[in-house]
Amino acid sequence: MFSPITSPAAVKTSSFDTSWSDKLTPYKIKDFCGDVGPTVPIPKTPLEIFQLFFTPECLKHIVVESNRYAKEVMTAEQYDTWIPLDVADVKAFFGFHILMGLNKLPSVDDYWKQSPIYHYSPIADKISRNRYREIIRYLHFAELKEWISFSFLVKVANSAIIFQVCVIES
């Protein structure tokens, strides 16, 4: 679906000299003559803004990779109890995170506390704390074998590439 990031050795270096020098040379920058402004219709709702960044294809990819990762790391008994993610779950999960950013509590567990000071119904009434923890544990954007031989940062880099591709394809 998406190819993993290439190694640094595979990236071409530029053909011009970038070393320091005391010699100053003038450089002419061409005038900008392209179209300006948004190239997509301006969203009218928060949901439309979200959908600009998370296309249906992107969300399906996250679902596939998260379910694949859960199956790879869980034991057979654990996986038997796993409820596979679907696109609605991922959308809701991201929505919960947006709500958590708007209504910050000292601890993630506080959203599910029974105390009226902390309990946050828009989240606690829609998803159990255990299901939330399962999703956050197994949420993945790239296949495990694509990044396991590289540094941990490749996992993040692959996610950034996937995000770019999802936005460009839409």
C-alpha atoms as a PDB file:
ATOM      1  CA  MET A   1       0.000   0.000   0.000  1.00  0.00           C
ATOM      2  CA  PHE A   2       2.620   2.526   1.141  1.00  0.00           C
ATOM      3  CA  SER A   3       6.326   1.949   0.722  1.00  0.00           C
ATOM      4  CA  PRO A   4       8.616   2.363   3.721  1.00  0.00           C
ATOM      5  CA  ILE A   5      11.001   5.260   4.010  1.00  0.00           C
ATOM      6  CA  THR A   6      14.275   4.841   2.153  1.00  0.00           C
ATOM      7  CA  SER A   7      17.572   4.606   3.963  1.00  0.00           C
ATOM      8  CA  PRO A   8      19.761   7.737   4.191  1.00  0.00           C
ATOM      9  CA  ALA A   9      22.295   6.123   1.833  1.00  0.00           C
ATOM     10  CA  ALA A  10      19.644   5.849  -0.866  1.00  0.00           C
ATOM     11  CA  VAL A  11      18.844   9.550  -0.796  1.00  0.00           C
ATOM     12  CA  LYS A  12      20.705  11.514  -3.491  1.00  0.00           C
ATOM     13  CA  THR A  13      22.813  14.445  -2.433  1.00  0.00           C
ATOM     14  CA  SER A  14      22.505  17.735  -4.266  1.00  0.00           C
ATOM     15  CA  SER A  15      24.874  18.587  -7.081  1.00  0.00           C
ATOM     16  CA  PHE A  16      25.967  22.004  -5.807  1.00  0.00           C
ATOM     17  CA  ASP A  17      28.653  22.766  -3.245  1.00  0.00           C
ATOM     18  CA  THR A  18      27.244  23.649   0.183  1.00  0.00           C
ATOM     19  CA  SER A  19      30.534  24.318   1.955  1.00  0.00           C
ATOM     20  CA  TRP A  20      31.258  27.628   3.678  1.00  0.00           C
ATOM     21  CA  SER A  21      33.015  30.340   1.717  1.00  0.00           C
ATOM     22  CA  ASP A  22      33.986  33.987   2.079  1.00  0.00           C
ATOM     23  CA  LYS A  23      33.098  34.618  -1.551  1.00  0.00           C
ATOM     24  CA  LEU A  24      29.616  36.094  -1.970  1.00  0.00           C
ATOM     25  CA  THR A  25      27.785  35.502  -5.210  1.00  0.00           C
ATOM     26  CA  PRO A  26      24.507  37.101  -6.199  1.00  0.00           C
ATOM     27  CA  TYR A  27      21.521  34.796  -6.439  1.00  0.00           C
ATOM     28  CA  LYS A  28      18.410  35.668  -8.428  1.00  0.00           C
ATOM     29  CA  ILE A  29      15.084  34.331  -7.212  1.00  0.00           C
ATOM     30  CA  LYS A  30      12.386  34.101  -9.857  1.00  0.00           C
ATOM     31  CA  ASP A  31       9.195  36.057  -9.250  1.00  0.00           C
ATOM     32  CA  PHE A  32       6.313  33.921  -8.005  1.00  0.00           C
ATOM     33  CA  CYS A  33       3.620  33.684 -10.652  1.00  0.00           C
ATOM     34  CA  GLY A  34       1.461  30.757  -9.469  1.00  0.00           C
ATOM     35  CA  ASP A  35      -2.085  30.724  -8.189  1.00  0.00           C
ATOM     36  CA  VAL A  36      -2.498  31.738  -4.563  1.00  0.00           C
ATOM     37  CA  GLY A  37      -5.017  30.756  -1.928  1.00  0.00           C
ATOM     38  CA  PRO A  38      -6.658  27.485  -0.976  1.00  0.00           C
ATOM     39  CA  THR A  39      -6.818  24.795  -3.637  1.00  0.00           C
ATOM     40  CA  VAL A  40      -9.725  22.970  -1.983  1.00  0.00           C
ATOM     41  CA  PRO A  41     -13.099  24.266  -0.888  1.00  0.00           C
ATOM     42  CA  ILE A  42     -12.847  25.894   2.520  1.00  0.00           C
ATOM     43  CA  PRO A  43     -14.423  23.575   5.128  1.00  0.00           C
ATOM     44  CA  LYS A  44     -17.476  24.847   6.953  1.00  0.00           C
ATOM     45  CA  THR A  45     -17.480  22.415   9.899  1.00  0.00           C
ATOM     46  CA  PRO A  46     -14.882  20.825  12.178  1.00  0.00           C
ATOM     47  CA  LEU A  47     -15.774  17.433  10.686  1.00  0.00           C
ATOM     48  CA  GLU A  48     -14.974  18.688   7.172  1.00  0.00           C
ATOM     49  CA  ILE A  49     -11.604  19.952   8.432  1.00  0.00           C
ATOM     50  CA  PHE A  50     -10.901  16.525   9.965  1.00  0.00           C
ATOM     51  CA  GLN A  51     -11.856  14.837   6.675  1.00  0.00           C
ATOM     52  CA  LEU A  52      -9.332  16.963   4.774  1.00  0.00           C
ATOM     53  CA  PHE A  53      -6.545  15.307   6.742  1.00  0.00           C
ATOM     54  CA  PHE A  54      -8.034  11.856   7.353  1.00  0.00           C
ATOM     55  CA  THR A  55      -9.517  10.589   4.108  1.00  0.00           C
ATOM     56  CA  PRO A  56     -11.507   7.329   4.001  1.00  0.00           C
ATOM     57  CA  GLU A  57      -8.449   5.605   2.464  1.00  0.00           C
ATOM     58  CA  CYS A  58      -6.195   6.894   5.232  1.00  0.00           C
ATOM     59  CA  LEU A  59      -8.604   5.738   7.949  1.00  0.00           C
ATOM     60  CA  LYS A  60      -8.932   2.289   6.318  1.00  0.00           C
ATOM     61  CA  HIS A  61      -5.130   2.034   6.271  1.00  0.00           C
ATOM     62  CA  ILE A  62      -4.956   2.852   9.995  1.00  0.00           C
ATOM     63  CA  VAL A  63      -7.629   0.189  10.681  1.00  0.00           C
ATOM     64  CA  VAL A  64      -5.744  -2.475   8.688  1.00  0.00           C
ATOM     65  CA  GLU A  65      -2.378  -1.717  10.296  1.00  0.00           C
ATOM     66  CA  SER A  66      -3.807  -1.501  13.825  1.00  0.00           C
ATOM     67  CA  ASN A  67      -5.631  -4.825  13.510  1.00  0.00           C
ATOM     68  CA  ARG A  68      -2.539  -6.411  11.927  1.00  0.00           C
ATOM     69  CA  TYR A  69      -0.332  -5.146  14.775  1.00  0.00           C
ATOM     70  CA  ALA A  70      -2.780  -6.409  17.417  1.00  0.00           C
ATOM     71  CA  LYS A  71      -2.744  -9.869  15.823  1.00  0.00           C
ATOM     72  CA  GLU A  72       1.081  -9.896  15.605  1.00  0.00           C
ATOM     73  CA  VAL A  73       1.751  -9.012  19.231  1.00  0.00           C
ATOM     74  CA  MET A  74      -1.137 -10.685  21.062  1.00  0.00           C
ATOM     75  CA  THR A  75      -1.213 -14.289  22.163  1.00  0.00           C
ATOM     76  CA  ALA A  76      -3.945 -16.481  20.647  1.00  0.00           C
ATOM     77  CA  GLU A  77      -6.048 -16.186  23.813  1.00  0.00           C
ATOM     78  CA  GLN A  78      -5.698 -12.417  23.907  1.00  0.00           C
ATOM     79  CA  TYR A  79      -6.570 -12.079  20.226  1.00  0.00           C
ATOM     80  CA  ASP A  80      -9.720 -14.154  20.747  1.00  0.00           C
ATOM     81  CA  THR A  81     -11.047 -11.375  22.987  1.00  0.00           C
ATOM     82  CA  TRP A  82      -9.862  -8.537  20.707  1.00  0.00           C
ATOM     83  CA  ILE A  83     -12.667  -6.673  18.975  1.00  0.00           C
ATOM     84  CA  PRO A  84     -11.191  -5.636  15.608  1.00  0.00           C
ATOM     85  CA  LEU A  85     -11.177  -1.924  14.901  1.00  0.00           C
ATOM     86  CA  ASP A  86     -13.261  -0.444  12.139  1.00  0.00           C
ATOM     87  CA  VAL A  87     -13.281   3.029  10.586  1.00  0.00           C
ATOM     88  CA  ALA A  88     -15.988   4.248  12.983  1.00  0.00           C
ATOM     89  CA  ASP A  89     -13.825   3.199  15.962  1.00  0.00           C
ATOM     90  CA  VAL A  90     -10.821   5.128  14.648  1.00  0.00           C
ATOM     91  CA  LYS A  91     -12.886   8.240  13.937  1.00  0.00           C
ATOM     92  CA  ALA A  92     -14.412   8.076  17.416  1.00  0.00           C
ATOM     93  CA  PHE A  93     -10.988   7.533  18.990  1.00  0.00           C
ATOM     94  CA  PHE A  94      -9.581  10.638  17.284  1.00  0.00           C
ATOM     95  CA  GLY A  95     -12.699  12.531  18.321  1.00  0.00           C
ATOM     96  CA  PHE A  96     -12.150  11.482  21.935  1.00  0.00           C
ATOM     97  CA  HIS A  97      -8.610  12.822  21.731  1.00  0.00           C
ATOM     98  CA  ILE A  98      -9.856  16.143  20.415  1.00  0.00           C
ATOM     99  CA  LEU A  99     -12.347  16.310  23.312  1.00  0.00           C
ATOM    100  CA  MET A 100      -9.583  15.422  25.779  1.00  0.00           C
ATOM    101  CA  GLY A 101      -7.565  18.318  24.407  1.00  0.00           C
ATOM    102  CA  LEU A 102     -10.481  20.676  24.913  1.00  0.00           C
ATOM    103  CA  ASN A 103     -11.360  19.383  28.392  1.00  0.00           C
ATOM    104  CA  LYS A 104      -8.044  18.557  30.050  1.00  0.00           C
ATOM    105  CA  LEU A 105      -7.987  16.468  33.207  1.00  0.00           C
ATOM    106  CA  PRO A 106      -4.917  15.587  35.312  1.00  0.00           C
ATOM    107  CA  SER A 107      -4.909  11.923  34.207  1.00  0.00           C
ATOM    108  CA  VAL A 108      -6.416   9.972  31.314  1.00  0.00           C
ATOM    109  CA  ASP A 109      -8.098   7.666  33.837  1.00  0.00           C
ATOM    110  CA  ASP A 110      -9.936  10.667  35.306  1.00  0.00           C
ATOM    111  CA  TYR A 111     -12.336  10.766  32.332  1.00  0.00           C
ATOM    112  CA  TRP A 112     -13.858   7.482  33.575  1.00  0.00           C
ATOM    113  CA  LYS A 113     -13.917   8.236  37.322  1.00  0.00           C
ATOM    114  CA  GLN A 114     -17.327   8.181  38.975  1.00  0.00           C
ATOM    115  CA  SER A 115     -16.624  11.399  40.874  1.00  0.00           C
ATOM    116  CA  PRO A 116     -18.718  14.279  39.470  1.00  0.00           C
ATOM    117  CA  ILE A 117     -15.621  16.481  39.618  1.00  0.00           C
ATOM    118  CA  TYR A 118     -13.820  14.386  36.999  1.00  0.00           C
ATOM    119  CA  HIS A 119     -16.296  12.139  35.176  1.00  0.00           C
ATOM    120  CA  TYR A 120     -16.639  13.269  31.549  1.00  0.00           C
ATOM    121  CA  SER A 121     -19.778  11.748  30.026  1.00  0.00           C
ATOM    122  CA  PRO A 122     -19.087  12.561  26.356  1.00  0.00           C
ATOM    123  CA  ILE A 123     -16.189  10.083  26.557  1.00  0.00           C
ATOM    124  CA  ALA A 124     -16.971   7.787  29.508  1.00  0.00           C
ATOM    125  CA  ASP A 125     -20.477   6.984  28.251  1.00  0.00           C
ATOM    126  CA  LYS A 126     -19.249   6.127  24.737  1.00  0.00           C
ATOM    127  CA  ILE A 127     -16.147   3.988  25.312  1.00  0.00           C
ATOM    128  CA  SER A 128     -14.882   1.971  28.244  1.00  0.00           C
ATOM    129  CA  ARG A 129     -11.516   2.788  29.736  1.00  0.00           C
ATOM    130  CA  ASN A 130     -10.236  -0.687  28.862  1.00  0.00           C
ATOM    131  CA  ARG A 131     -11.291  -0.376  25.215  1.00  0.00           C
ATOM    132  CA  TYR A 132      -9.667   3.050  25.045  1.00  0.00           C
ATOM    133  CA  ARG A 133      -6.440   1.592  26.436  1.00  0.00           C
ATOM    134  CA  GLU A 134      -6.571  -1.296  23.922  1.00  0.00           C
ATOM    135  CA  ILE A 135      -6.953   1.080  20.994  1.00  0.00           C
ATOM    136  CA  ILE A 136      -4.158   3.364  22.147  1.00  0.00           C
ATOM    137  CA  ARG A 137      -1.901   0.341  22.655  1.00  0.00           C
ATOM    138  CA  TYR A 138      -2.487  -1.187  19.211  1.00  0.00           C
ATOM    139  CA  LEU A 139      -3.045   1.925  17.082  1.00  0.00           C
ATOM    140  CA  HIS A 140      -0.573   1.688  14.193  1.00  0.00           C
ATOM    141  CA  PHE A 141       0.070   3.530  10.962  1.00  0.00           C
ATOM    142  CA  ALA A 142       2.705   1.260   9.409  1.00  0.00           C
ATOM    143  CA  GLU A 143       3.352  -2.455   9.218  1.00  0.00           C
ATOM    144  CA  LEU A 144       5.674  -3.701  11.952  1.00  0.00           C
ATOM    145  CA  LYS A 145       8.151  -5.395   9.609  1.00  0.00           C
ATOM    146  CA  GLU A 146       8.568  -2.149   7.626  1.00  0.00           C
ATOM    147  CA  TRP A 147      10.263  -0.399  10.524  1.00  0.00           C
ATOM    148  CA  ILE A 148      11.537  -3.054  12.927  1.00  0.00           C
ATOM    149  CA  SER A 149      15.026  -3.182  11.379  1.00  0.00           C
ATOM    150  CA  PHE A 150      15.425   0.610  11.436  1.00  0.00           C
ATOM    151  CA  SER A 151      15.484   3.083  14.260  1.00  0.00           C
ATOM    152  CA  PHE A 152      12.289   3.852  16.162  1.00  0.00           C
ATOM    153  CA  LEU A 153      12.003   7.165  14.294  1.00  0.00           C
ATOM    154  CA  VAL A 154      11.248   5.348  11.045  1.00  0.00           C
ATOM    155  CA  LYS A 155       7.862   4.372  12.499  1.00  0.00           C
ATOM    156  CA  VAL A 156       7.062   8.052  12.933  1.00  0.00           C
ATOM    157  CA  ALA A 157       8.538   8.921   9.526  1.00  0.00           C
ATOM    158  CA  ASN A 158       6.391   6.266   7.836  1.00  0.00           C
ATOM    159  CA  SER A 159       3.345   7.731   9.564  1.00  0.00           C
ATOM    160  CA  ALA A 160       4.251  11.176   8.239  1.00  0.00           C
ATOM    161  CA  ILE A 161       4.653   9.790   4.707  1.00  0.00           C
ATOM    162  CA  ILE A 162       1.326   7.969   4.930  1.00  0.00           C
ATOM    163  CA  PHE A 163      -0.308  11.165   6.167  1.00  0.00           C
ATOM    164  CA  GLN A 164       1.194  13.114   3.248  1.00  0.00           C
ATOM    165  CA  VAL A 165       0.020  10.530   0.727  1.00  0.00           C
ATOM    166  CA  CYS A 166      -3.478  10.529   2.210  1.00  0.00           C
ATOM    167  CA  VAL A 167      -3.678  14.320   1.959  1.00  0.00           C
ATOM    168  CA  ILE A 168      -2.180  14.452  -1.554  1.00  0.00           C
ATOM    169  CA  GLU A 169      -4.487  11.703  -2.883  1.00  0.00           C
ATOM    170  CA  SER A 170      -7.609  13.487  -1.683  1.00  0.00           C
END
